[in-house]
C-alpha atoms as a PDB file:
ATOM      1  CA  MET A   1      65.872 -57.794 -21.437  1.00  0.00           C
ATOM      2  CA  LYS A   2      63.243 -56.937 -19.996  1.00  0.00           C
ATOM      3  CA  LYS A   3      63.915 -52.972 -20.399  1.00  0.00           C
ATOM      4  CA  LEU A   4      64.789 -53.487 -24.318  1.00  0.00           C
ATOM      5  CA  PHE A   5      61.371 -55.274 -24.273  1.00  0.00           C
ATOM      6  CA  SER A   6      59.470 -52.398 -22.762  1.00  0.00           C
ATOM      7  CA  VAL A   7      61.320 -50.001 -25.128  1.00  0.00           C
ATOM      8  CA  SER A   8      60.677 -51.467 -27.896  1.00  0.00           C
ATOM      9  CA  ILE A   9      56.373 -52.032 -26.838  1.00  0.00           C
ATOM     10  CA  THR A  10      56.532 -48.366 -26.473  1.00  0.00           C
ATOM     11  CA  ALA A  11      57.966 -47.818 -29.804  1.00  0.00           C
ATOM     12  CA  ILE A  12      55.395 -49.819 -31.282  1.00  0.00           C
ATOM     13  CA  LEU A  13      52.829 -48.695 -29.396  1.00  0.00           C
ATOM     14  CA  LEU A  14      53.572 -44.531 -30.657  1.00  0.00           C
ATOM     15  CA  SER A  15      54.074 -45.313 -33.972  1.00  0.00           C
ATOM     16  CA  THR A  16      50.793 -47.151 -33.859  1.00  0.00           C
ATOM     17  CA  GLY A  17      49.076 -43.962 -32.554  1.00  0.00           C
ATOM     18  CA  ILE A  18      48.412 -45.808 -29.732  1.00  0.00           C
ATOM     19  CA  SER A  19      50.064 -44.453 -26.218  1.00  0.00           C
ATOM     20  CA  MET A  20      50.257 -47.227 -23.345  1.00  0.00           C
ATOM     21  CA  TYR A  21      47.194 -46.115 -21.666  1.00  0.00           C
ATOM     22  CA  GLY A  22      45.215 -46.320 -24.565  1.00  0.00           C
ATOM     23  CA  GLN A  23      45.222 -42.942 -25.665  1.00  0.00           C
ATOM     24  CA  THR A  24      45.338 -42.215 -29.561  1.00  0.00           C
ATOM     25  CA  SER A  25      47.732 -39.360 -30.428  1.00  0.00           C
ATOM     26  CA  PHE A  26      45.913 -36.537 -31.854  1.00  0.00           C
ATOM     27  CA  TYR A  27      48.629 -36.083 -34.665  1.00  0.00           C
ATOM     28  CA  SER A  28      47.687 -39.734 -35.846  1.00  0.00           C
ATOM     29  CA  LEU A  29      43.923 -38.567 -37.183  1.00  0.00           C
ATOM     30  CA  LYS A  30      43.969 -38.033 -40.484  1.00  0.00           C
ATOM     31  CA  ALA A  31      40.705 -37.218 -42.737  1.00  0.00           C
ATOM     32  CA  LYS A  32      39.041 -35.612 -46.371  1.00  0.00           C
ATOM     33  CA  THR A  33      39.535 -32.194 -46.404  1.00  0.00           C
ATOM     34  CA  ILE A  34      36.516 -30.494 -48.674  1.00  0.00           C
ATOM     35  CA  ASP A  35      37.427 -31.281 -51.451  1.00  0.00           C
ATOM     36  CA  GLY A  36      38.547 -34.826 -51.145  1.00  0.00           C
ATOM     37  CA  LYS A  37      42.052 -34.477 -50.283  1.00  0.00           C
ATOM     38  CA  ASP A  38      43.739 -36.673 -47.511  1.00  0.00           C
ATOM     39  CA  PHE A  39      44.968 -34.142 -44.512  1.00  0.00           C
ATOM     40  CA  SER A  40      47.101 -35.517 -42.116  1.00  0.00           C
ATOM     41  CA  PHE A  41      46.935 -34.105 -38.711  1.00  0.00           C
ATOM     42  CA  ALA A  42      50.577 -34.260 -37.817  1.00  0.00           C
ATOM     43  CA  GLU A  43      50.357 -31.201 -39.617  1.00  0.00           C
ATOM     44  CA  LEU A  44      48.903 -29.535 -36.947  1.00  0.00           C
ATOM     45  CA  LYS A  45      51.895 -29.777 -34.840  1.00  0.00           C
ATOM     46  CA  GLY A  46      52.282 -27.159 -32.745  1.00  0.00           C
ATOM     47  CA  LYS A  47      49.626 -25.269 -33.056  1.00  0.00           C
ATOM     48  CA  LYS A  48      45.986 -24.361 -31.039  1.00  0.00           C
ATOM     49  CA  VAL A  49      43.431 -26.001 -32.656  1.00  0.00           C
ATOM     50  CA  LEU A  50      39.728 -25.119 -32.219  1.00  0.00           C
ATOM     51  CA  VAL A  51      37.662 -28.865 -34.319  1.00  0.00           C
ATOM     52  CA  VAL A  52      33.971 -27.192 -34.961  1.00  0.00           C
ATOM     53  CA  ASN A  53      31.228 -29.235 -36.165  1.00  0.00           C
ATOM     54  CA  THR A  54      29.162 -27.064 -38.257  1.00  0.00           C
ATOM     55  CA  ALA A  55      25.742 -26.588 -40.091  1.00  0.00           C
ATOM     56  CA  SER A  56      24.052 -24.235 -43.262  1.00  0.00           C
ATOM     57  CA  LYS A  57      20.608 -24.307 -41.938  1.00  0.00           C
ATOM     58  CA  CYS A  58      21.278 -24.300 -38.379  1.00  0.00           C
ATOM     59  CA  GLY A  59      20.768 -20.795 -35.981  1.00  0.00           C
ATOM     60  CA  PHE A  60      24.084 -20.801 -35.165  1.00  0.00           C
ATOM     61  CA  THR A  61      25.114 -20.820 -38.096  1.00  0.00           C
ATOM     62  CA  PRO A  62      26.303 -16.719 -37.889  1.00  0.00           C
ATOM     63  CA  GLN A  63      28.836 -18.109 -36.084  1.00  0.00           C
ATOM     64  CA  TYR A  64      31.281 -18.921 -38.460  1.00  0.00           C
ATOM     65  CA  GLU A  65      31.049 -15.226 -39.563  1.00  0.00           C
ATOM     66  CA  ASP A  66      32.437 -15.175 -36.159  1.00  0.00           C
ATOM     67  CA  LEU A  67      34.758 -18.762 -36.825  1.00  0.00           C
ATOM     68  CA  GLU A  68      36.489 -16.318 -40.213  1.00  0.00           C
ATOM     69  CA  LYS A  69      37.439 -12.979 -37.603  1.00  0.00           C
ATOM     70  CA  LEU A  70      39.196 -15.711 -35.117  1.00  0.00           C
ATOM     71  CA  TYR A  71      40.839 -17.054 -37.596  1.00  0.00           C
ATOM     72  CA  GLN A  72      42.190 -13.800 -39.701  1.00  0.00           C
ATOM     73  CA  LYS A  73      42.945 -12.553 -35.404  1.00  0.00           C
ATOM     74  CA  TYR A  74      44.799 -15.606 -34.847  1.00  0.00           C
ATOM     75  CA  LYS A  75      46.558 -17.815 -37.488  1.00  0.00           C
ATOM     76  CA  ASP A  76      49.732 -15.725 -37.506  1.00  0.00           C
ATOM     77  CA  LYS A  77      49.565 -17.146 -33.924  1.00  0.00           C
ATOM     78  CA  ASN A  78      49.830 -20.398 -33.862  1.00  0.00           C
ATOM     79  CA  PHE A  79      46.230 -21.027 -34.428  1.00  0.00           C
ATOM     80  CA  VAL A  80      44.516 -22.754 -36.598  1.00  0.00           C
ATOM     81  CA  ILE A  81      40.271 -24.286 -36.950  1.00  0.00           C
ATOM     82  CA  ILE A  82      39.072 -26.678 -38.733  1.00  0.00           C
ATOM     83  CA  GLY A  83      35.335 -27.014 -39.907  1.00  0.00           C
ATOM     84  CA  PHE A  84      33.458 -30.120 -39.824  1.00  0.00           C
ATOM     85  CA  PRO A  85      30.214 -29.992 -41.931  1.00  0.00           C
ATOM     86  CA  ALA A  86      27.617 -32.229 -40.698  1.00  0.00           C
ATOM     87  CA  ASN A  87      23.899 -33.244 -40.670  1.00  0.00           C
ATOM     88  CA  ASN A  88      23.513 -35.058 -37.005  1.00  0.00           C
ATOM     89  CA  PHE A  89      21.322 -32.444 -35.994  1.00  0.00           C
ATOM     90  CA  GLY A  90      18.103 -31.721 -37.055  1.00  0.00           C
ATOM     91  CA  HIS A  91      19.236 -32.209 -41.419  1.00  0.00           C
ATOM     92  CA  GLN A  92      20.896 -28.746 -40.590  1.00  0.00           C
ATOM     93  CA  GLU A  93      23.307 -29.682 -43.332  1.00  0.00           C
ATOM     94  CA  PRO A  94      21.980 -31.287 -46.533  1.00  0.00           C
ATOM     95  CA  GLY A  95      24.287 -30.261 -48.956  1.00  0.00           C
ATOM     96  CA  SER A  96      27.151 -31.742 -50.450  1.00  0.00           C
ATOM     97  CA  ASN A  97      30.773 -30.789 -49.539  1.00  0.00           C
ATOM     98  CA  SER A  98      31.297 -28.811 -53.138  1.00  0.00           C
ATOM     99  CA  GLU A  99      27.308 -26.174 -52.600  1.00  0.00           C
ATOM    100  CA  ILE A 100      28.589 -26.073 -48.699  1.00  0.00           C
ATOM    101  CA  LYS A 101      31.879 -24.422 -49.748  1.00  0.00           C
ATOM    102  CA  GLU A 102      30.523 -22.482 -51.931  1.00  0.00           C
ATOM    103  CA  PHE A 103      27.943 -21.168 -48.754  1.00  0.00           C
ATOM    104  CA  CYS A 104      30.035 -21.065 -46.322  1.00  0.00           C
ATOM    105  CA  THR A 105      32.927 -18.576 -49.066  1.00  0.00           C
ATOM    106  CA  LYS A 106      30.067 -16.784 -50.641  1.00  0.00           C
ATOM    107  CA  ASN A 107      28.083 -15.811 -47.504  1.00  0.00           C
ATOM    108  CA  TYR A 108      31.148 -16.069 -44.817  1.00  0.00           C
ATOM    109  CA  GLY A 109      35.009 -15.486 -46.468  1.00  0.00           C
ATOM    110  CA  VAL A 110      35.457 -19.172 -45.255  1.00  0.00           C
ATOM    111  CA  SER A 111      39.163 -19.209 -45.018  1.00  0.00           C
ATOM    112  CA  PHE A 112      39.567 -21.867 -42.387  1.00  0.00           C
ATOM    113  CA  GLN A 113      40.013 -25.613 -43.043  1.00  0.00           C
ATOM    114  CA  MET A 114      36.950 -26.956 -44.199  1.00  0.00           C
ATOM    115  CA  MET A 115      36.815 -31.150 -44.029  1.00  0.00           C
ATOM    116  CA  GLU A 116      34.541 -33.218 -45.982  1.00  0.00           C
ATOM    117  CA  LYS A 117      31.215 -33.907 -44.581  1.00  0.00           C
ATOM    118  CA  ILE A 118      30.406 -35.921 -41.942  1.00  0.00           C
ATOM    119  CA  SER A 119      28.730 -37.562 -38.923  1.00  0.00           C
ATOM    120  CA  VAL A 120      30.284 -36.913 -35.401  1.00  0.00           C
ATOM    121  CA  LYS A 121      27.896 -39.014 -33.499  1.00  0.00           C
ATOM    122  CA  GLY A 122      26.151 -42.523 -33.224  1.00  0.00           C
ATOM    123  CA  ASP A 123      27.393 -45.465 -35.488  1.00  0.00           C
ATOM    124  CA  ASP A 124      29.369 -43.834 -38.087  1.00  0.00           C
ATOM    125  CA  ILE A 125      30.775 -41.747 -35.706  1.00  0.00           C
ATOM    126  CA  ASN A 126      33.682 -40.119 -37.745  1.00  0.00           C
ATOM    127  CA  ASP A 127      36.828 -41.024 -36.164  1.00  0.00           C
ATOM    128  CA  VAL A 128      38.518 -37.346 -34.902  1.00  0.00           C
ATOM    129  CA  TYR A 129      35.305 -37.277 -33.317  1.00  0.00           C
ATOM    130  CA  LYS A 130      35.812 -40.852 -31.740  1.00  0.00           C
ATOM    131  CA  TRP A 131      38.753 -38.667 -30.414  1.00  0.00           C
ATOM    132  CA  LEU A 132      37.077 -35.485 -29.360  1.00  0.00           C
ATOM    133  CA  THR A 133      34.722 -37.868 -27.865  1.00  0.00           C
ATOM    134  CA  LYS A 134      35.858 -40.998 -25.341  1.00  0.00           C
ATOM    135  CA  LYS A 135      38.511 -40.602 -22.646  1.00  0.00           C
ATOM    136  CA  GLU A 136      39.806 -44.162 -23.272  1.00  0.00           C
ATOM    137  CA  LEU A 137      40.917 -42.141 -26.893  1.00  0.00           C
ATOM    138  CA  ASN A 138      41.731 -38.540 -25.977  1.00  0.00           C
ATOM    139  CA  GLY A 139      42.916 -39.250 -22.186  1.00  0.00           C
ATOM    140  CA  LYS A 140      40.422 -36.270 -20.676  1.00  0.00           C
ATOM    141  CA  GLU A 141      36.789 -36.226 -21.031  1.00  0.00           C
ATOM    142  CA  ASP A 142      34.053 -38.245 -22.551  1.00  0.00           C
ATOM    143  CA  SER A 143      31.700 -35.612 -24.406  1.00  0.00           C
ATOM    144  CA  SER A 144      28.943 -35.424 -26.150  1.00  0.00           C
ATOM    145  CA  VAL A 145      28.737 -33.698 -29.630  1.00  0.00           C
ATOM    146  CA  LYS A 146      25.186 -31.953 -28.084  1.00  0.00           C
ATOM    147  CA  TRP A 147      24.642 -29.710 -31.227  1.00  0.00           C
ATOM    148  CA  ASN A 148      25.917 -27.959 -34.650  1.00  0.00           C
ATOM    149  CA  PHE A 149      29.146 -25.249 -33.556  1.00  0.00           C
ATOM    150  CA  GLN A 150      30.333 -27.338 -31.111  1.00  0.00           C
ATOM    151  CA  LYS A 151      33.771 -26.247 -30.829  1.00  0.00           C
ATOM    152  CA  TYR A 152      36.724 -28.429 -28.745  1.00  0.00           C
ATOM    153  CA  MET A 153      40.045 -26.615 -28.005  1.00  0.00           C
ATOM    154  CA  ILE A 154      43.856 -28.942 -29.043  1.00  0.00           C
ATOM    155  CA  ASP A 155      46.414 -27.467 -27.743  1.00  0.00           C
ATOM    156  CA  GLU A 156      50.027 -27.064 -29.118  1.00  0.00           C
ATOM    157  CA  LYS A 157      51.590 -30.573 -27.898  1.00  0.00           C
ATOM    158  CA  GLY A 158      47.483 -32.450 -29.293  1.00  0.00           C
ATOM    159  CA  ASN A 159      46.254 -32.414 -25.777  1.00  0.00           C
ATOM    160  CA  LEU A 160      42.545 -31.691 -25.845  1.00  0.00           C
ATOM    161  CA  VAL A 161      42.146 -29.178 -23.498  1.00  0.00           C
ATOM    162  CA  ASP A 162      38.191 -28.455 -23.526  1.00  0.00           C
ATOM    163  CA  VAL A 163      34.631 -28.198 -24.781  1.00  0.00           C
ATOM    164  CA  VAL A 164      32.150 -25.174 -26.011  1.00  0.00           C
ATOM    165  CA  TYR A 165      29.349 -25.793 -26.923  1.00  0.00           C
ATOM    166  CA  SER A 166      26.823 -24.438 -29.069  1.00  0.00           C
ATOM    167  CA  GLU A 167      25.388 -21.091 -26.974  1.00  0.00           C
ATOM    168  CA  LYS A 168      29.014 -19.632 -25.837  1.00  0.00           C
ATOM    169  CA  LYS A 169      30.251 -17.837 -29.661  1.00  0.00           C
ATOM    170  CA  PRO A 170      33.776 -18.094 -30.717  1.00  0.00           C
ATOM    171  CA  ASP A 171      35.403 -15.089 -29.513  1.00  0.00           C
ATOM    172  CA  CYS A 172      34.133 -15.818 -25.499  1.00  0.00           C
ATOM    173  CA  LYS A 173      36.518 -15.494 -23.017  1.00  0.00           C
ATOM    174  CA  GLU A 174      36.994 -19.547 -22.618  1.00  0.00           C
ATOM    175  CA  ILE A 175      38.798 -19.629 -26.413  1.00  0.00           C
ATOM    176  CA  VAL A 176      40.277 -16.236 -26.863  1.00  0.00           C
ATOM    177  CA  ASN A 177      42.168 -16.647 -23.346  1.00  0.00           C
ATOM    178  CA  TRP A 178      42.980 -20.193 -24.304  1.00  0.00           C
ATOM    179  CA  ILE A 179      44.282 -19.049 -27.886  1.00  0.00           C
ATOM    180  CA  THR A 180      46.504 -15.757 -26.032  1.00  0.00           C
ATOM    181  CA  ASP A 181      47.662 -17.409 -22.961  1.00  0.00           C
ATOM    182  CA  TRP A 182      51.115 -18.505 -25.472  1.00  0.00           C
ATOM    183  CA  ASN A 183      52.100 -19.616 -21.743  1.00  0.00           C
ATOM    184  CA  LYS A 184      50.434 -22.950 -21.905  1.00  0.00           C
END
């Protein structure tokens, strides 16, 4: 009876996206695309995911070009980029979702998945960024989003691997080595 109870509790927790250790599964998360469509992170199972908070009027905005090059180079190797526009730092993302999409497409040819504008910190922090920044949810570490174009690496099993701060470009050795290390 005790074993049956334990198995039942585990099944309930897994079905809700919560592990026995309080962690939430990356794959239980959902968000809206920049076009307003629902997007389930369960679609990302088996892929390496780079999550980036973006802004159109930032000194790091040219990283959109590097992100697109990285995406084009590795997209056929189970690698994706998810961009989350955010206006949390210096009001550097003032545009609407349609304005952001037009800016990214026209100026940088962005074809990786962009999501709707969100908040990446504070009282209105988006659930994806809660997961990325809270050890109790991601099981790895606490962090804070320090500025635009901070990059979070998620492995093929939905585990947070590391965070790379804005100053480092998307094609830095940490990110490229992580993408190309197919044995991990």
